[in-house]
């Protein structure tokens, strides 16, 4: 009887520990998700409150992946990821230069363009690399939804959501140099970002900055940066193009 009582106590303790661990994991997941969504909301707020009309946005992530031994495994793992990320599976790898690359493309609705790549870093090595890209132009709400979806899918697949985000839009006016700098300073203020580097020419203005509001940063020289803002005048359309990126602008501006 005493033995049975001890067993029951042990089983009860196991159940209790399991419940506590489940609650802890859910809390961590919720906290991470809320933090990531908060970051995209800050970018959206800084962009929209500046009066810039969003025309396009890009989400991009490239991170090391678990080792993949051969091309068959590369295809199988790529198709598993495609299914998880809502993309069609492919029947064969794509030859890019001397490498065989897993490449799947599709859409997450509207006119969004989504691409997944999985590739080995070297034919003789098992090291692999994961790349995911989203491009859209249907507005800030779609951007926020796609950012949240990408964050959740990355976490589901045990990938750190270090997402490179770029927003590009226009002001329907020809802004002079001083006016362009006013827009840049306004966005930096909303993002609580301090200048790190600055490029100021007649053709383009670009400011690299650091904000404590964003968890990831990259090095530029001896300093850290995680925000970049650039402006230039588009003589063809007679408007001013403004691009905001974190941690860096990874598109043409």
Protein backbone atom coordinates (compact mmCIF):
# COMPACT_ATOMS: atom_id res chain seq x y z
CA UNK A 1 0.00 0.00 0.00
CA UNK A 2 2.84 2.33 0.93
CA UNK A 3 4.58 1.45 -2.35
CA UNK A 4 1.43 2.31 -4.32
CA UNK A 5 1.12 5.62 -2.49
CA UNK A 6 4.71 6.53 -3.39
CA UNK A 7 4.07 5.64 -7.03
CA UNK A 8 0.96 7.83 -7.07
CA UNK A 9 2.93 10.71 -5.60
CA UNK A 10 5.64 10.30 -8.24
CA UNK A 11 3.07 10.21 -11.06
CA UNK A 12 1.33 13.29 -9.64
CA UNK A 13 4.68 15.10 -9.47
CA UNK A 14 5.45 14.16 -13.09
CA UNK A 15 2.09 15.51 -14.26
CA UNK A 16 2.62 18.72 -12.26
CA UNK A 17 6.12 19.26 -13.71
CA UNK A 18 4.82 18.58 -17.25
CA UNK A 19 2.06 21.17 -16.82
CA UNK A 20 4.52 23.76 -15.45
CA UNK A 21 6.90 23.15 -18.37
CA UNK A 22 4.07 23.47 -20.90
CA UNK A 23 2.98 26.78 -19.37
CA UNK A 24 6.58 28.01 -19.39
CA UNK A 25 7.07 27.11 -23.07
CA UNK A 26 3.79 28.82 -24.02
CA UNK A 27 4.85 31.92 -22.07
CA UNK A 28 8.23 32.08 -23.80
CA UNK A 29 6.62 31.57 -27.22
CA UNK A 30 4.03 34.29 -26.55
CA UNK A 31 6.67 36.70 -25.28
CA UNK A 32 8.90 36.17 -28.34
CA UNK A 33 6.00 36.57 -30.72
CA UNK A 34 4.77 39.74 -29.01
CA UNK A 35 8.28 41.18 -29.13
CA UNK A 36 8.65 40.50 -32.85
CA UNK A 37 5.24 41.96 -33.69
CA UNK A 38 6.15 45.01 -31.61
CA UNK A 39 9.19 45.57 -33.80
CA UNK A 40 7.22 45.58 -37.05
CA UNK A 41 4.62 47.85 -35.47
CA UNK A 42 7.36 50.36 -34.62
CA UNK A 43 8.58 50.38 -38.22
CA UNK A 44 5.04 50.75 -39.54
CA UNK A 45 4.30 53.60 -37.15
CA UNK A 46 7.49 55.47 -38.03
CA UNK A 47 6.77 55.04 -41.73
CA UNK A 48 3.05 55.89 -41.75
CA UNK A 49 3.25 58.84 -39.34
CA UNK A 50 5.84 60.44 -41.61
CA UNK A 51 3.24 60.66 -44.36
CA UNK A 52 5.04 58.26 -46.69
CA UNK A 53 2.87 56.22 -49.05
CA UNK A 54 4.01 52.58 -48.91
CA UNK A 55 4.62 51.07 -52.35
CA UNK A 56 6.57 47.88 -51.59
CA UNK A 57 7.96 45.88 -48.71
CA UNK A 58 10.44 43.02 -48.39
CA UNK A 59 11.01 40.46 -45.65
CA UNK A 60 14.19 38.43 -45.84
CA UNK A 61 15.98 35.94 -43.65
CA UNK A 62 19.12 33.90 -44.27
CA UNK A 63 20.44 31.64 -41.51
CA UNK A 64 22.62 28.51 -41.17
CA UNK A 65 20.64 25.28 -41.24
CA UNK A 66 21.21 21.79 -39.88
CA UNK A 67 23.63 19.55 -41.79
CA UNK A 68 22.29 17.86 -44.92
CA UNK A 69 24.31 14.93 -46.23
CA UNK A 70 23.24 14.60 -49.87
CA UNK A 71 21.02 15.98 -52.64
CA UNK A 72 18.18 13.56 -51.94
CA UNK A 73 18.05 14.72 -48.31
CA UNK A 74 18.21 18.32 -49.53
CA UNK A 75 15.14 17.76 -51.71
CA UNK A 76 13.25 15.95 -48.94
CA UNK A 77 14.02 18.58 -46.30
CA UNK A 78 13.24 21.39 -48.74
CA UNK A 79 9.81 19.90 -49.47
CA UNK A 80 9.13 19.48 -45.76
CA UNK A 81 9.90 23.17 -45.25
CA UNK A 82 7.83 24.18 -48.28
CA UNK A 83 4.82 22.37 -46.87
CA UNK A 84 5.33 24.04 -43.49
CA UNK A 85 5.69 27.52 -45.04
CA UNK A 86 2.68 27.17 -47.33
CA UNK A 87 4.52 26.73 -50.62
CA UNK A 88 4.20 24.06 -53.33
CA UNK A 89 6.68 21.19 -53.26
CA UNK A 90 9.15 20.73 -56.12
CA UNK A 91 10.20 17.53 -57.92
CA UNK A 92 13.87 18.34 -58.43
CA UNK A 93 16.67 20.65 -57.34
CA UNK A 94 17.68 23.66 -59.42
CA UNK A 95 21.23 24.06 -60.71
CA UNK A 96 22.64 27.47 -59.81
CA UNK A 97 26.20 27.84 -61.03
CA UNK A 98 27.95 24.68 -59.84
CA UNK A 99 25.49 24.04 -57.01
CA UNK A 100 22.22 22.16 -56.68
CA UNK A 101 19.74 24.37 -54.80
CA UNK A 102 16.28 23.67 -53.46
CA UNK A 103 14.05 26.50 -54.73
CA UNK A 104 10.30 26.84 -54.17
CA UNK A 105 8.20 29.89 -55.04
CA UNK A 106 4.60 30.86 -54.47
CA UNK A 107 2.36 33.46 -52.85
CA UNK A 108 0.79 34.18 -49.49
CA UNK A 109 -2.16 35.92 -51.12
CA UNK A 110 -2.73 39.13 -53.03
CA UNK A 111 0.21 39.89 -55.27
CA UNK A 112 2.80 38.78 -52.72
CA UNK A 113 5.81 36.84 -53.95
CA UNK A 114 7.34 34.23 -51.64
CA UNK A 115 10.54 32.27 -52.16
CA UNK A 116 12.25 29.53 -50.14
CA UNK A 117 15.81 28.35 -50.76
CA UNK A 118 17.73 25.58 -49.08
CA UNK A 119 21.29 24.99 -50.21
CA UNK A 120 24.55 23.40 -49.16
CA UNK A 121 27.36 25.85 -48.57
CA UNK A 122 29.79 23.59 -50.43
CA UNK A 123 29.30 20.38 -52.45
CA UNK A 124 31.76 18.49 -50.26
CA UNK A 125 30.30 19.78 -46.99
CA UNK A 126 27.10 18.90 -45.14
CA UNK A 127 26.65 22.51 -43.95
CA UNK A 128 23.43 24.02 -45.26
CA UNK A 129 21.84 27.47 -45.45
CA UNK A 130 18.18 28.52 -45.34
CA UNK A 131 16.84 31.59 -47.18
CA UNK A 132 13.27 32.91 -47.18
CA UNK A 133 11.93 36.02 -48.93
CA UNK A 134 8.56 37.77 -49.02
CA UNK A 135 7.77 40.73 -51.28
CA UNK A 136 4.45 42.57 -51.32
CA UNK A 137 2.76 45.88 -52.02
CA UNK A 138 -0.76 45.62 -50.58
CA UNK A 139 -0.21 47.90 -47.63
CA UNK A 140 0.88 48.01 -44.03
CA UNK A 141 -1.74 45.58 -42.70
CA UNK A 142 -0.59 42.88 -45.12
CA UNK A 143 3.02 43.58 -44.15
CA UNK A 144 2.21 43.14 -40.47
CA UNK A 145 0.28 39.91 -41.12
CA UNK A 146 3.06 38.43 -43.24
CA UNK A 147 5.70 39.41 -40.69
CA UNK A 148 3.73 37.73 -37.92
CA UNK A 149 3.16 34.62 -40.04
CA UNK A 150 6.84 34.39 -40.97
CA UNK A 151 7.91 34.81 -37.34
CA UNK A 152 5.59 32.02 -36.19
CA UNK A 153 6.73 29.64 -38.94
CA UNK A 154 10.40 30.28 -38.22
CA UNK A 155 9.86 29.55 -34.53
CA UNK A 156 7.86 26.43 -35.39
CA UNK A 157 10.84 25.15 -37.39
CA UNK A 158 13.38 26.07 -34.67
CA UNK A 159 14.86 28.93 -36.70
CA UNK A 160 15.80 32.23 -35.06
CA UNK A 161 13.55 34.97 -36.55
CA UNK A 162 16.27 37.47 -37.45
CA UNK A 163 14.18 39.07 -40.17
CA UNK A 164 15.56 41.79 -42.42
CA UNK A 165 12.66 44.18 -43.13
CA UNK A 166 12.56 46.90 -45.81
CA UNK A 167 9.76 49.37 -46.49
CA UNK A 168 9.83 51.64 -49.52
CA UNK A 169 7.42 54.43 -50.38
CA UNK A 170 7.11 57.89 -51.84
CA UNK A 171 6.30 61.50 -51.08
CA UNK A 172 4.50 63.03 -54.06
CA UNK A 173 6.75 66.05 -54.16
CA UNK A 174 10.32 67.01 -54.95
CA UNK A 175 11.95 67.44 -51.56
CA UNK A 176 15.16 69.41 -51.40
CA UNK A 177 18.16 68.24 -49.41
CA UNK A 178 17.08 69.85 -46.16
CA UNK A 179 13.52 68.53 -46.45
CA UNK A 180 14.75 64.99 -47.06
CA UNK A 181 16.89 65.20 -43.94
CA UNK A 182 13.85 66.38 -41.96
CA UNK A 183 12.00 63.19 -42.95
CA UNK A 184 14.98 61.07 -41.99
CA UNK A 185 15.37 62.82 -38.64
CA UNK A 186 11.65 62.39 -37.95
CA UNK A 187 11.79 58.63 -38.52
CA UNK A 188 14.94 58.29 -36.43
CA UNK A 189 13.23 60.12 -33.58
CA UNK A 190 10.18 57.83 -33.71
CA UNK A 191 12.50 54.80 -33.60
CA UNK A 192 14.65 56.30 -30.80
CA UNK A 193 17.65 55.77 -33.06
CA UNK A 194 20.98 57.56 -32.86
CA UNK A 195 23.06 58.18 -35.99
CA UNK A 196 26.08 55.98 -36.57
CA UNK A 197 27.03 56.86 -40.15
CA UNK A 198 25.73 59.27 -42.78
CA UNK A 199 26.02 59.65 -46.55
CA UNK A 200 24.89 63.00 -47.95
CA UNK A 201 25.19 63.65 -51.71
CA UNK A 202 23.10 65.43 -54.30
CA UNK A 203 21.82 62.05 -55.53
CA UNK A 204 21.10 60.14 -52.34
CA UNK A 205 20.96 60.57 -48.59
CA UNK A 206 21.50 57.60 -46.30
CA UNK A 207 21.72 57.37 -42.52
CA UNK A 208 22.73 54.30 -40.51
CA UNK A 209 21.65 54.33 -36.89
CA UNK A 210 21.27 52.27 -33.74
CA UNK A 211 18.05 51.87 -31.77
CA UNK A 212 17.68 50.01 -28.46
CA UNK A 213 14.14 49.06 -29.55
CA UNK A 214 15.43 46.33 -31.87
CA UNK A 215 17.21 43.24 -30.49
CA UNK A 216 19.49 42.47 -33.44
CA UNK A 217 22.29 44.60 -34.84
CA UNK A 218 25.18 44.34 -37.27
CA UNK A 219 28.61 45.89 -37.18
CA UNK A 220 29.60 48.85 -39.30
CA UNK A 221 33.22 49.69 -38.63
CA UNK A 222 33.60 49.60 -34.86
CA UNK A 223 29.95 50.46 -34.17
CA UNK A 224 26.59 48.68 -34.13
CA UNK A 225 23.67 49.56 -36.41
CA UNK A 226 20.13 48.18 -36.80
CA UNK A 227 18.29 50.94 -38.68
CA UNK A 228 18.97 52.48 -42.08
CA UNK A 229 16.99 55.20 -43.84
CA UNK A 230 17.67 56.47 -47.37
CA UNK A 231 16.05 59.06 -49.64
CA UNK A 232 16.46 60.15 -53.25
CA UNK A 233 14.51 62.10 -55.85
CA UNK A 234 12.99 60.09 -58.69
CA UNK A 235 13.16 62.42 -61.70
CA UNK A 236 11.11 60.04 -63.86
CA UNK A 237 8.05 60.05 -61.59
CA UNK A 238 8.79 63.43 -60.01
CA UNK A 239 8.56 62.17 -56.44
CA UNK A 240 10.85 61.48 -53.51
CA UNK A 241 11.56 57.84 -52.64
CA UNK A 242 12.08 56.94 -48.99
CA UNK A 243 13.39 53.53 -47.87
CA UNK A 244 13.48 52.24 -44.29
CA UNK A 245 15.26 49.02 -43.36
CA UNK A 246 16.25 47.04 -40.30
CA UNK A 247 18.95 46.09 -39.53
CA UNK A 248 20.02 47.38 -42.98
CA UNK A 249 18.48 48.22 -46.35
CA UNK A 250 18.95 45.08 -48.42
CA UNK A 251 17.34 46.36 -51.64
CA UNK A 252 18.23 48.92 -54.25
CA UNK A 253 17.51 52.48 -53.11
